[in-house]
């Protein structure tokens, strides 16, 4: 996914048997700042809106960055760009797998 503006974000669903997630972030050469925030998204047990919690942030680095975490199988992840004021894009790659 490409994140190009402050607040730009995307939702990713994780497979029903997968419980580990890795998020990689790679800035374009013109990018000089920005943070990729990663959130867990879970259904509200009372039927209200979904609940989100911050898992971590990947702070801008010219070489990119990485975040690995665990979540319940079938979960959802929201990846959002913040503190970004430049031109260009930050590419984020979300992968998931099953780990016992």
PDB file of N, CA and C in Angstrom:
ATOM      1  N   UNK A   1       0.842  -1.170   0.000  1.00  0.00           N
ATOM      2  CA  UNK A   1       0.000   0.000   0.000  1.00  0.00           C
ATOM      3  C   UNK A   1       0.888   1.234   0.000  1.00  0.00           C
ATOM      4  N   UNK A   2       0.402   2.290  -0.630  1.00  0.00           N
ATOM      5  CA  UNK A   2       1.159   3.543  -0.665  1.00  0.00           C
ATOM      6  C   UNK A   2       0.413   4.574   0.177  1.00  0.00           C
ATOM      7  N   UNK A   3       1.143   5.217   1.079  1.00  0.00           N
ATOM      8  CA  UNK A   3       0.577   6.251   1.934  1.00  0.00           C
ATOM      9  C   UNK A   3       1.199   7.573   1.508  1.00  0.00           C
ATOM     10  N   UNK A   4       0.361   8.535   1.097  1.00  0.00           N
ATOM     11  CA  UNK A   4       0.887   9.737   0.467  1.00  0.00           C
ATOM     12  C   UNK A   4       0.510  11.041   1.143  1.00  0.00           C
ATOM     13  N   UNK A   5      -0.342  11.011   2.155  1.00  0.00           N
ATOM     14  CA  UNK A   5      -0.767  12.258   2.789  1.00  0.00           C
ATOM     15  C   UNK A   5      -0.940  12.037   4.286  1.00  0.00           C
ATOM     16  N   UNK A   6      -0.752  13.087   5.057  1.00  0.00           N
ATOM     17  CA  UNK A   6      -0.920  12.982   6.496  1.00  0.00           C
ATOM     18  C   UNK A   6      -2.321  12.463   6.806  1.00  0.00           C
ATOM     19  N   UNK A   7      -2.418  11.403   7.595  1.00  0.00           N
ATOM     20  CA  UNK A   7      -3.707  10.809   7.926  1.00  0.00           C
ATOM     21  C   UNK A   7      -4.153   9.723   6.968  1.00  0.00           C
ATOM     22  N   UNK A   8      -3.422   9.550   5.860  1.00  0.00           N
ATOM     23  CA  UNK A   8      -3.750   8.512   4.892  1.00  0.00           C
ATOM     24  C   UNK A   8      -3.581   7.147   5.550  1.00  0.00           C
ATOM     25  N   UNK A   9      -4.560   6.266   5.401  1.00  0.00           N
ATOM     26  CA  UNK A   9      -4.471   4.964   6.043  1.00  0.00           C
ATOM     27  C   UNK A   9      -5.225   3.890   5.294  1.00  0.00           C
ATOM     28  N   UNK A  10      -4.895   2.635   5.601  1.00  0.00           N
ATOM     29  CA  UNK A  10      -5.528   1.481   4.962  1.00  0.00           C
ATOM     30  C   UNK A  10      -5.759   0.379   5.987  1.00  0.00           C
ATOM     31  N   UNK A  11      -6.822  -0.382   5.792  1.00  0.00           N
ATOM     32  CA  UNK A  11      -7.160  -1.519   6.648  1.00  0.00           C
ATOM     33  C   UNK A  11      -6.739  -2.805   5.946  1.00  0.00           C
ATOM     34  N   UNK A  12      -6.191  -3.754   6.717  1.00  0.00           N
ATOM     35  CA  UNK A  12      -5.784  -5.046   6.188  1.00  0.00           C
ATOM     36  C   UNK A  12      -6.366  -6.132   7.087  1.00  0.00           C
ATOM     37  N   UNK A  13      -7.006  -7.136   6.498  1.00  0.00           N
ATOM     38  CA  UNK A  13      -7.525  -8.276   7.261  1.00  0.00           C
ATOM     39  C   UNK A  13      -6.498  -9.393   7.250  1.00  0.00           C
ATOM     40  N   UNK A  14      -6.347 -10.035   8.401  1.00  0.00           N
ATOM     41  CA  UNK A  14      -5.389 -11.125   8.570  1.00  0.00           C
ATOM     42  C   UNK A  14      -6.138 -12.443   8.395  1.00  0.00           C
ATOM     43  N   UNK A  15      -5.474 -13.450   7.857  1.00  0.00           N
ATOM     44  CA  UNK A  15      -6.091 -14.751   7.605  1.00  0.00           C
ATOM     45  C   UNK A  15      -6.622 -15.414   8.873  1.00  0.00           C
ATOM     46  N   UNK A  16      -7.613 -16.291   8.742  1.00  0.00           N
ATOM     47  CA  UNK A  16      -8.267 -16.902   9.903  1.00  0.00           C
ATOM     48  C   UNK A  16      -7.367 -17.828  10.719  1.00  0.00           C
ATOM     49  N   UNK A  17      -6.256 -18.277  10.161  1.00  0.00           N
ATOM     50  CA  UNK A  17      -5.337 -19.156  10.904  1.00  0.00           C
ATOM     51  C   UNK A  17      -4.014 -18.460  11.219  1.00  0.00           C
ATOM     52  N   UNK A  18      -3.895 -17.183  10.907  1.00  0.00           N
ATOM     53  CA  UNK A  18      -2.623 -16.476  11.077  1.00  0.00           C
ATOM     54  C   UNK A  18      -2.644 -15.621  12.338  1.00  0.00           C
ATOM     55  N   UNK A  19      -1.524 -15.594  13.059  1.00  0.00           N
ATOM     56  CA  UNK A  19      -1.486 -14.860  14.319  1.00  0.00           C
ATOM     57  C   UNK A  19      -0.264 -13.958  14.476  1.00  0.00           C
ATOM     58  N   UNK A  20       0.607 -13.889  13.488  1.00  0.00           N
ATOM     59  CA  UNK A  20       1.769 -13.009  13.533  1.00  0.00           C
ATOM     60  C   UNK A  20       1.711 -12.063  12.341  1.00  0.00           C
ATOM     61  N   UNK A  21       2.120 -10.814  12.569  1.00  0.00           N
ATOM     62  CA  UNK A  21       2.051  -9.792  11.528  1.00  0.00           C
ATOM     63  C   UNK A  21       3.377  -9.038  11.488  1.00  0.00           C
ATOM     64  N   UNK A  22       3.815  -8.721  10.276  1.00  0.00           N
ATOM     65  CA  UNK A  22       4.992  -7.883  10.088  1.00  0.00           C
ATOM     66  C   UNK A  22       4.589  -6.724   9.182  1.00  0.00           C
ATOM     67  N   UNK A  23       4.964  -5.508   9.583  1.00  0.00           N
ATOM     68  CA  UNK A  23       4.722  -4.324   8.770  1.00  0.00           C
ATOM     69  C   UNK A  23       6.080  -3.724   8.430  1.00  0.00           C
ATOM     70  N   UNK A  24       6.348  -3.559   7.137  1.00  0.00           N
ATOM     71  CA  UNK A  24       7.569  -2.924   6.654  1.00  0.00           C
ATOM     72  C   UNK A  24       7.199  -1.581   6.052  1.00  0.00           C
ATOM     73  N   UNK A  25       8.013  -0.558   6.289  1.00  0.00           N
ATOM     74  CA  UNK A  25       7.752   0.767   5.729  1.00  0.00           C
ATOM     75  C   UNK A  25       8.996   1.252   4.998  1.00  0.00           C
ATOM     76  N   UNK A  26       8.796   1.729   3.759  1.00  0.00           N
ATOM     77  CA  UNK A  26       9.891   2.200   2.923  1.00  0.00           C
ATOM     78  C   UNK A  26       9.542   3.578   2.360  1.00  0.00           C
ATOM     79  N   UNK A  27      10.300   4.630   2.688  1.00  0.00           N
ATOM     80  CA  UNK A  27      10.004   5.955   2.132  1.00  0.00           C
ATOM     81  C   UNK A  27      10.590   6.131   0.737  1.00  0.00           C
ATOM     82  N   UNK A  28       9.950   6.969  -0.053  1.00  0.00           N
ATOM     83  CA  UNK A  28      10.493   7.372  -1.347  1.00  0.00           C
ATOM     84  C   UNK A  28      11.653   8.338  -1.084  1.00  0.00           C
ATOM     85  N   UNK A  29      12.577   8.514  -2.038  1.00  0.00           N
ATOM     86  CA  UNK A  29      13.741   9.387  -1.814  1.00  0.00           C
ATOM     87  C   UNK A  29      13.388  10.825  -1.440  1.00  0.00           C
ATOM     88  N   UNK A  30      12.250  11.349  -1.903  1.00  0.00           N
ATOM     89  CA  UNK A  30      11.878  12.738  -1.609  1.00  0.00           C
ATOM     90  C   UNK A  30      11.288  12.916  -0.212  1.00  0.00           C
ATOM     91  N   UNK A  31      10.964  11.825   0.461  1.00  0.00           N
ATOM     92  CA  UNK A  31      10.342  11.903   1.791  1.00  0.00           C
ATOM     93  C   UNK A  31      11.419  12.156   2.826  1.00  0.00           C
ATOM     94  N   UNK A  32      11.157  13.096   3.743  1.00  0.00           N
ATOM     95  CA  UNK A  32      12.144  13.402   4.789  1.00  0.00           C
ATOM     96  C   UNK A  32      11.579  13.244   6.193  1.00  0.00           C
ATOM     97  N   UNK A  33      10.304  12.940   6.326  1.00  0.00           N
ATOM     98  CA  UNK A  33       9.704  12.778   7.651  1.00  0.00           C
ATOM     99  C   UNK A  33       8.412  11.993   7.530  1.00  0.00           C
ATOM    100  N   UNK A  34       7.972  11.472   8.646  1.00  0.00           N
ATOM    101  CA  UNK A  34       6.711  10.748   8.679  1.00  0.00           C
ATOM    102  C   UNK A  34       6.803   9.540   9.585  1.00  0.00           C
ATOM    103  N   UNK A  35       5.693   9.187  10.155  1.00  0.00           N
ATOM    104  CA  UNK A  35       5.612   8.031  11.034  1.00  0.00           C
ATOM    105  C   UNK A  35       4.483   7.148  10.543  1.00  0.00           C
ATOM    106  N   UNK A  36       4.736   5.850  10.458  1.00  0.00           N
ATOM    107  CA  UNK A  36       3.703   4.898  10.096  1.00  0.00           C
ATOM    108  C   UNK A  36       3.195   4.288  11.396  1.00  0.00           C
ATOM    109  N   UNK A  37       1.957   4.608  11.748  1.00  0.00           N
ATOM    110  CA  UNK A  37       1.338   4.084  12.966  1.00  0.00           C
ATOM    111  C   UNK A  37       0.543   2.831  12.627  1.00  0.00           C
ATOM    112  N   UNK A  38       0.671   1.799  13.459  1.00  0.00           N
ATOM    113  CA  UNK A  38       0.005   0.522  13.220  1.00  0.00           C
ATOM    114  C   UNK A  38      -0.948   0.250  14.382  1.00  0.00           C
ATOM    115  N   UNK A  39      -2.209  -0.023  14.055  1.00  0.00           N
ATOM    116  CA  UNK A  39      -3.251  -0.242  15.056  1.00  0.00           C
ATOM    117  C   UNK A  39      -3.871  -1.628  14.892  1.00  0.00           C
ATOM    118  N   UNK A  40      -4.252  -2.247  16.003  1.00  0.00           N
ATOM    119  CA  UNK A  40      -5.113  -3.437  15.985  1.00  0.00           C
ATOM    120  C   UNK A  40      -6.540  -2.945  15.938  1.00  0.00           C
ATOM    121  N   UNK A  41      -7.375  -3.615  15.179  1.00  0.00           N
ATOM    122  CA  UNK A  41      -8.786  -3.249  15.090  1.00  0.00           C
ATOM    123  C   UNK A  41      -9.599  -4.467  15.499  1.00  0.00           C
ATOM    124  N   UNK A  42     -10.439  -4.309  16.514  1.00  0.00           N
ATOM    125  CA  UNK A  42     -11.245  -5.422  17.010  1.00  0.00           C
ATOM    126  C   UNK A  42     -12.695  -4.999  17.115  1.00  0.00           C
ATOM    127  N   UNK A  43     -13.584  -5.953  16.892  1.00  0.00           N
ATOM    128  CA  UNK A  43     -15.015  -5.674  16.997  1.00  0.00           C
ATOM    129  C   UNK A  43     -15.372  -5.397  18.450  1.00  0.00           C
ATOM    130  N   UNK A  44     -16.273  -4.477  18.658  1.00  0.00           N
ATOM    131  CA  UNK A  44     -16.791  -4.186  19.989  1.00  0.00           C
ATOM    132  C   UNK A  44     -17.758  -5.294  20.379  1.00  0.00           C
ATOM    133  N   UNK A  45     -17.535  -5.968  21.522  1.00  0.00           N
ATOM    134  CA  UNK A  45     -18.429  -7.067  21.906  1.00  0.00           C
ATOM    135  C   UNK A  45     -19.875  -6.629  22.149  1.00  0.00           C
ATOM    136  N   UNK A  46     -20.106  -5.333  22.376  1.00  0.00           N
ATOM    137  CA  UNK A  46     -21.458  -4.848  22.602  1.00  0.00           C
ATOM    138  C   UNK A  46     -22.148  -4.466  21.297  1.00  0.00           C
ATOM    139  N   UNK A  47     -21.429  -4.622  20.169  1.00  0.00           N
ATOM    140  CA  UNK A  47     -22.031  -4.317  18.880  1.00  0.00           C
ATOM    141  C   UNK A  47     -21.819  -2.890  18.420  1.00  0.00           C
ATOM    142  N   UNK A  48     -21.083  -2.086  19.179  1.00  0.00           N
ATOM    143  CA  UNK A  48     -20.808  -0.700  18.781  1.00  0.00           C
ATOM    144  C   UNK A  48     -19.705  -0.644  17.728  1.00  0.00           C
ATOM    145  N   UNK A  49     -19.077   0.510  17.616  1.00  0.00           N
ATOM    146  CA  UNK A  49     -18.003   0.691  16.638  1.00  0.00           C
ATOM    147  C   UNK A  49     -16.796  -0.167  17.008  1.00  0.00           C
ATOM    148  N   UNK A  50     -15.956  -0.410  16.036  1.00  0.00           N
ATOM    149  CA  UNK A  50     -14.743  -1.194  16.258  1.00  0.00           C
ATOM    150  C   UNK A  50     -13.810  -0.461  17.217  1.00  0.00           C
ATOM    151  N   UNK A  51     -13.068  -1.227  17.989  1.00  0.00           N
ATOM    152  CA  UNK A  51     -12.085  -0.687  18.924  1.00  0.00           C
ATOM    153  C   UNK A  51     -10.708  -0.745  18.281  1.00  0.00           C
ATOM    154  N   UNK A  52      -9.922   0.306  18.435  1.00  0.00           N
ATOM    155  CA  UNK A  52      -8.565   0.311  17.901  1.00  0.00           C
ATOM    156  C   UNK A  52      -7.576   0.543  19.031  1.00  0.00           C
ATOM    157  N   UNK A  53      -6.426  -0.082  18.922  1.00  0.00           N
ATOM    158  CA  UNK A  53      -5.357   0.158  19.882  1.00  0.00           C
ATOM    159  C   UNK A  53      -4.036   0.223  19.135  1.00  0.00           C
ATOM    160  N   UNK A  54      -3.201   1.169  19.512  1.00  0.00           N
ATOM    161  CA  UNK A  54      -1.915   1.359  18.853  1.00  0.00           C
ATOM    162  C   UNK A  54      -0.979   0.212  19.215  1.00  0.00           C
ATOM    163  N   UNK A  55      -0.464  -0.471  18.215  1.00  0.00           N
ATOM    164  CA  UNK A  55       0.507  -1.546  18.426  1.00  0.00           C
ATOM    165  C   UNK A  55       1.906  -0.961  18.484  1.00  0.00           C
ATOM    166  N   UNK A  56       2.189  -0.018  17.596  1.00  0.00           N
ATOM    167  CA  UNK A  56       3.503   0.602  17.552  1.00  0.00           C
ATOM    168  C   UNK A  56       3.615   1.557  16.384  1.00  0.00           C
ATOM    169  N   UNK A  57       4.750   2.248  16.329  1.00  0.00           N
ATOM    170  CA  UNK A  57       4.998   3.208  15.262  1.00  0.00           C
ATOM    171  C   UNK A  57       6.341   2.910  14.614  1.00  0.00           C
ATOM    172  N   UNK A  58       6.390   3.091  13.313  1.00  0.00           N
ATOM    173  CA  UNK A  58       7.645   2.989  12.577  1.00  0.00           C
ATOM    174  C   UNK A  58       8.044   4.417  12.225  1.00  0.00           C
ATOM    175  N   UNK A  59       9.034   4.929  12.928  1.00  0.00           N
ATOM    176  CA  UNK A  59       9.484   6.306  12.733  1.00  0.00           C
ATOM    177  C   UNK A  59      10.317   6.378  11.461  1.00  0.00           C
ATOM    178  N   UNK A  60      10.206   7.501  10.754  1.00  0.00           N
ATOM    179  CA  UNK A  60      10.910   7.685   9.496  1.00  0.00           C
ATOM    180  C   UNK A  60      12.387   7.289   9.621  1.00  0.00           C
ATOM    181  N   UNK A  61      12.858   6.551   8.646  1.00  0.00           N
ATOM    182  CA  UNK A  61      14.259   6.182   8.526  1.00  0.00           C
ATOM    183  C   UNK A  61      14.518   6.008   7.041  1.00  0.00           C
ATOM    184  N   UNK A  62      15.588   6.593   6.544  1.00  0.00           N
ATOM    185  CA  UNK A  62      15.887   6.517   5.113  1.00  0.00           C
ATOM    186  C   UNK A  62      15.989   5.067   4.631  1.00  0.00           C
ATOM    187  N   UNK A  63      16.358   4.149   5.527  1.00  0.00           N
ATOM    188  CA  UNK A  63      16.481   2.739   5.161  1.00  0.00           C
ATOM    189  C   UNK A  63      15.197   1.953   5.393  1.00  0.00           C
ATOM    190  N   UNK A  64      14.151   2.617   5.825  1.00  0.00           N
ATOM    191  CA  UNK A  64      12.896   1.931   6.116  1.00  0.00           C
ATOM    192  C   UNK A  64      12.866   1.426   7.552  1.00  0.00           C
ATOM    193  N   UNK A  65      11.795   0.765   7.915  1.00  0.00           N
ATOM    194  CA  UNK A  65      11.658   0.248   9.268  1.00  0.00           C
ATOM    195  C   UNK A  65      10.720  -0.937   9.292  1.00  0.00           C
ATOM    196  N   UNK A  66      10.643  -1.583  10.467  1.00  0.00           N
ATOM    197  CA  UNK A  66       9.864  -2.818  10.564  1.00  0.00           C
ATOM    198  C   UNK A  66       9.261  -2.943  11.947  1.00  0.00           C
ATOM    199  N   UNK A  67       8.097  -3.582  12.004  1.00  0.00           N
ATOM    200  CA  UNK A  67       7.384  -3.846  13.248  1.00  0.00           C
ATOM    201  C   UNK A  67       6.776  -5.242  13.147  1.00  0.00           C
ATOM    202  N   UNK A  68       7.005  -6.090  14.154  1.00  0.00           N
ATOM    203  CA  UNK A  68       6.454  -7.445  14.173  1.00  0.00           C
ATOM    204  C   UNK A  68       5.677  -7.601  15.468  1.00  0.00           C
ATOM    205  N   UNK A  69       4.470  -8.182  15.381  1.00  0.00           N
ATOM    206  CA  UNK A  69       3.646  -8.344  16.568  1.00  0.00           C
ATOM    207  C   UNK A  69       2.685  -9.508  16.398  1.00  0.00           C
ATOM    208  N   UNK A  70       2.017  -9.854  17.468  1.00  0.00           N
ATOM    209  CA  UNK A  70       1.051 -10.953  17.469  1.00  0.00           C
ATOM    210  C   UNK A  70      -0.341 -10.387  17.666  1.00  0.00           C
ATOM    211  N   UNK A  71      -1.334 -11.030  17.054  1.00  0.00           N
ATOM    212  CA  UNK A  71      -2.719 -10.669  17.279  1.00  0.00           C
ATOM    213  C   UNK A  71      -3.579 -11.902  17.067  1.00  0.00           C
ATOM    214  N   UNK A  72      -4.831 -11.888  17.526  1.00  0.00           N
ATOM    215  CA  UNK A  72      -5.685 -13.063  17.368  1.00  0.00           C
ATOM    216  C   UNK A  72      -5.913 -13.399  15.894  1.00  0.00           C
ATOM    217  N   UNK A  73      -6.025 -14.688  15.551  1.00  0.00           N
ATOM    218  CA  UNK A  73      -6.290 -15.069  14.165  1.00  0.00           C
ATOM    219  C   UNK A  73      -7.537 -14.374  13.619  1.00  0.00           C
ATOM    220  N   UNK A  74      -7.458 -13.991  12.365  1.00  0.00           N
ATOM    221  CA  UNK A  74      -8.584 -13.328  11.727  1.00  0.00           C
ATOM    222  C   UNK A  74      -8.727 -11.859  12.095  1.00  0.00           C
ATOM    223  N   UNK A  75      -7.735 -11.294  12.754  1.00  0.00           N
ATOM    224  CA  UNK A  75      -7.808  -9.891  13.170  1.00  0.00           C
ATOM    225  C   UNK A  75      -7.637  -8.926  12.007  1.00  0.00           C
ATOM    226  N   UNK A  76      -7.734  -7.655  12.328  1.00  0.00           N
ATOM    227  CA  UNK A  76      -7.535  -6.609  11.325  1.00  0.00           C
ATOM    228  C   UNK A  76      -6.482  -5.627  11.821  1.00  0.00           C
ATOM    229  N   UNK A  77      -5.774  -5.049  10.866  1.00  0.00           N
ATOM    230  CA  UNK A  77      -4.714  -4.091  11.153  1.00  0.00           C
ATOM    231  C   UNK A  77      -5.003  -2.835  10.351  1.00  0.00           C
ATOM    232  N   UNK A  78      -4.853  -1.671  10.993  1.00  0.00           N
ATOM    233  CA  UNK A  78      -4.998  -0.391  10.302  1.00  0.00           C
ATOM    234  C   UNK A  78      -3.633   0.285  10.306  1.00  0.00           C
ATOM    235  N   UNK A  79      -3.150   0.652   9.122  1.00  0.00           N
ATOM    236  CA  UNK A  79      -1.851   1.290   8.960  1.00  0.00           C
ATOM    237  C   UNK A  79      -2.101   2.720   8.511  1.00  0.00           C
ATOM    238  N   UNK A  80      -1.526   3.693   9.255  1.00  0.00           N
ATOM    239  CA  UNK A  80      -1.821   5.110   8.992  1.00  0.00           C
ATOM    240  C   UNK A  80      -0.540   5.932   8.999  1.00  0.00           C
ATOM    241  N   UNK A  81      -0.451   6.887   8.098  1.00  0.00           N
ATOM    242  CA  UNK A  81       0.690   7.797   8.021  1.00  0.00           C
ATOM    243  C   UNK A  81       0.396   9.049   8.836  1.00  0.00           C
ATOM    244  N   UNK A  82       1.335   9.448   9.691  1.00  0.00           N
ATOM    245  CA  UNK A  82       1.153  10.668  10.475  1.00  0.00           C
ATOM    246  C   UNK A  82       2.465  11.446  10.525  1.00  0.00           C
ATOM    247  N   UNK A  83       2.398  12.681  10.987  1.00  0.00           N
ATOM    248  CA  UNK A  83       3.564  13.572  11.085  1.00  0.00           C
ATOM    249  C   UNK A  83       4.288  13.683   9.743  1.00  0.00           C
ATOM    250  N   UNK A  84       3.505  13.765   8.685  1.00  0.00           N
ATOM    251  CA  UNK A  84       4.045  13.775   7.337  1.00  0.00           C
ATOM    252  C   UNK A  84       3.715  15.097   6.679  1.00  0.00           C
ATOM    253  N   UNK A  85       4.715  15.770   6.154  1.00  0.00           N
ATOM    254  CA  UNK A  85       4.452  17.047   5.521  1.00  0.00           C
ATOM    255  C   UNK A  85       5.142  17.216   4.195  1.00  0.00           C
ATOM    256  N   UNK A  86       5.651  16.163   3.613  1.00  0.00           N
ATOM    257  CA  UNK A  86       6.406  16.276   2.380  1.00  0.00           C
ATOM    258  C   UNK A  86       5.648  15.820   1.167  1.00  0.00           C
ATOM    259  N   UNK A  87       6.407  15.606   0.097  1.00  0.00           N
ATOM    260  CA  UNK A  87       5.845  15.055  -1.136  1.00  0.00           C
ATOM    261  C   UNK A  87       6.410  13.655  -1.308  1.00  0.00           C
ATOM    262  N   UNK A  88       5.787  12.860  -2.132  1.00  0.00           N
ATOM    263  CA  UNK A  88       6.232  11.487  -2.314  1.00  0.00           C
ATOM    264  C   UNK A  88       5.340  10.551  -1.516  1.00  0.00           C
ATOM    265  N   UNK A  89       5.728   9.306  -1.459  1.00  0.00           N
ATOM    266  CA  UNK A  89       4.921   8.308  -0.770  1.00  0.00           C
ATOM    267  C   UNK A  89       5.791   7.480   0.165  1.00  0.00           C
ATOM    268  N   UNK A  90       5.145   6.901   1.144  1.00  0.00           N
ATOM    269  CA  UNK A  90       5.769   5.877   1.969  1.00  0.00           C
ATOM    270  C   UNK A  90       5.026   4.588   1.655  1.00  0.00           C
ATOM    271  N   UNK A  91       5.760   3.581   1.256  1.00  0.00           N
ATOM    272  CA  UNK A  91       5.155   2.282   0.949  1.00  0.00           C
ATOM    273  C   UNK A  91       5.178   1.426   2.205  1.00  0.00           C
ATOM    274  N   UNK A  92       4.055   0.784   2.496  1.00  0.00           N
ATOM    275  CA  UNK A  92       3.966  -0.127   3.635  1.00  0.00           C
ATOM    276  C   UNK A  92       3.542  -1.494   3.125  1.00  0.00           C
ATOM    277  N   UNK A  93       4.214  -2.522   3.613  1.00  0.00           N
ATOM    278  CA  UNK A  93       3.912  -3.892   3.241  1.00  0.00           C
ATOM    279  C   UNK A  93       3.504  -4.630   4.504  1.00  0.00           C
ATOM    280  N   UNK A  94       2.323  -5.267   4.479  1.00  0.00           N
ATOM    281  CA  UNK A  94       1.827  -6.020   5.625  1.00  0.00           C
ATOM    282  C   UNK A  94       1.804  -7.495   5.229  1.00  0.00           C
ATOM    283  N   UNK A  95       2.499  -8.335   6.009  1.00  0.00           N
ATOM    284  CA  UNK A  95       2.471  -9.765   5.788  1.00  0.00           C
ATOM    285  C   UNK A  95       2.053 -10.453   7.083  1.00  0.00           C
ATOM    286  N   UNK A  96       1.476 -11.639   6.963  1.00  0.00           N
ATOM    287  CA  UNK A  96       1.048 -12.370   8.151  1.00  0.00           C
ATOM    288  C   UNK A  96       1.298 -13.856   7.953  1.00  0.00           C
ATOM    289  N   UNK A  97       1.416 -14.570   9.065  1.00  0.00           N
ATOM    290  CA  UNK A  97       1.661 -16.013   9.017  1.00  0.00           C
ATOM    291  C   UNK A  97       1.212 -16.647  10.316  1.00  0.00           C
ATOM    292  N   UNK A  98       1.158 -17.975  10.312  1.00  0.00           N
ATOM    293  CA  UNK A  98       0.795 -18.722  11.502  1.00  0.00           C
ATOM    294  C   UNK A  98       2.052 -19.148  12.232  1.00  0.00           C
ATOM    295  N   UNK A  99       2.095 -18.851  13.518  1.00  0.00           N
ATOM    296  CA  UNK A  99       3.210 -19.300  14.353  1.00  0.00           C
ATOM    297  C   UNK A  99       2.645 -19.956  15.600  1.00  0.00           C
ATOM    298  N   UNK A 100       3.060 -21.189  15.849  1.00  0.00           N
ATOM    299  CA  UNK A 100       2.523 -21.894  17.011  1.00  0.00           C
ATOM    300  C   UNK A 100       3.425 -21.743  18.220  1.00  0.00           C
TER     301      UNK A 100
END
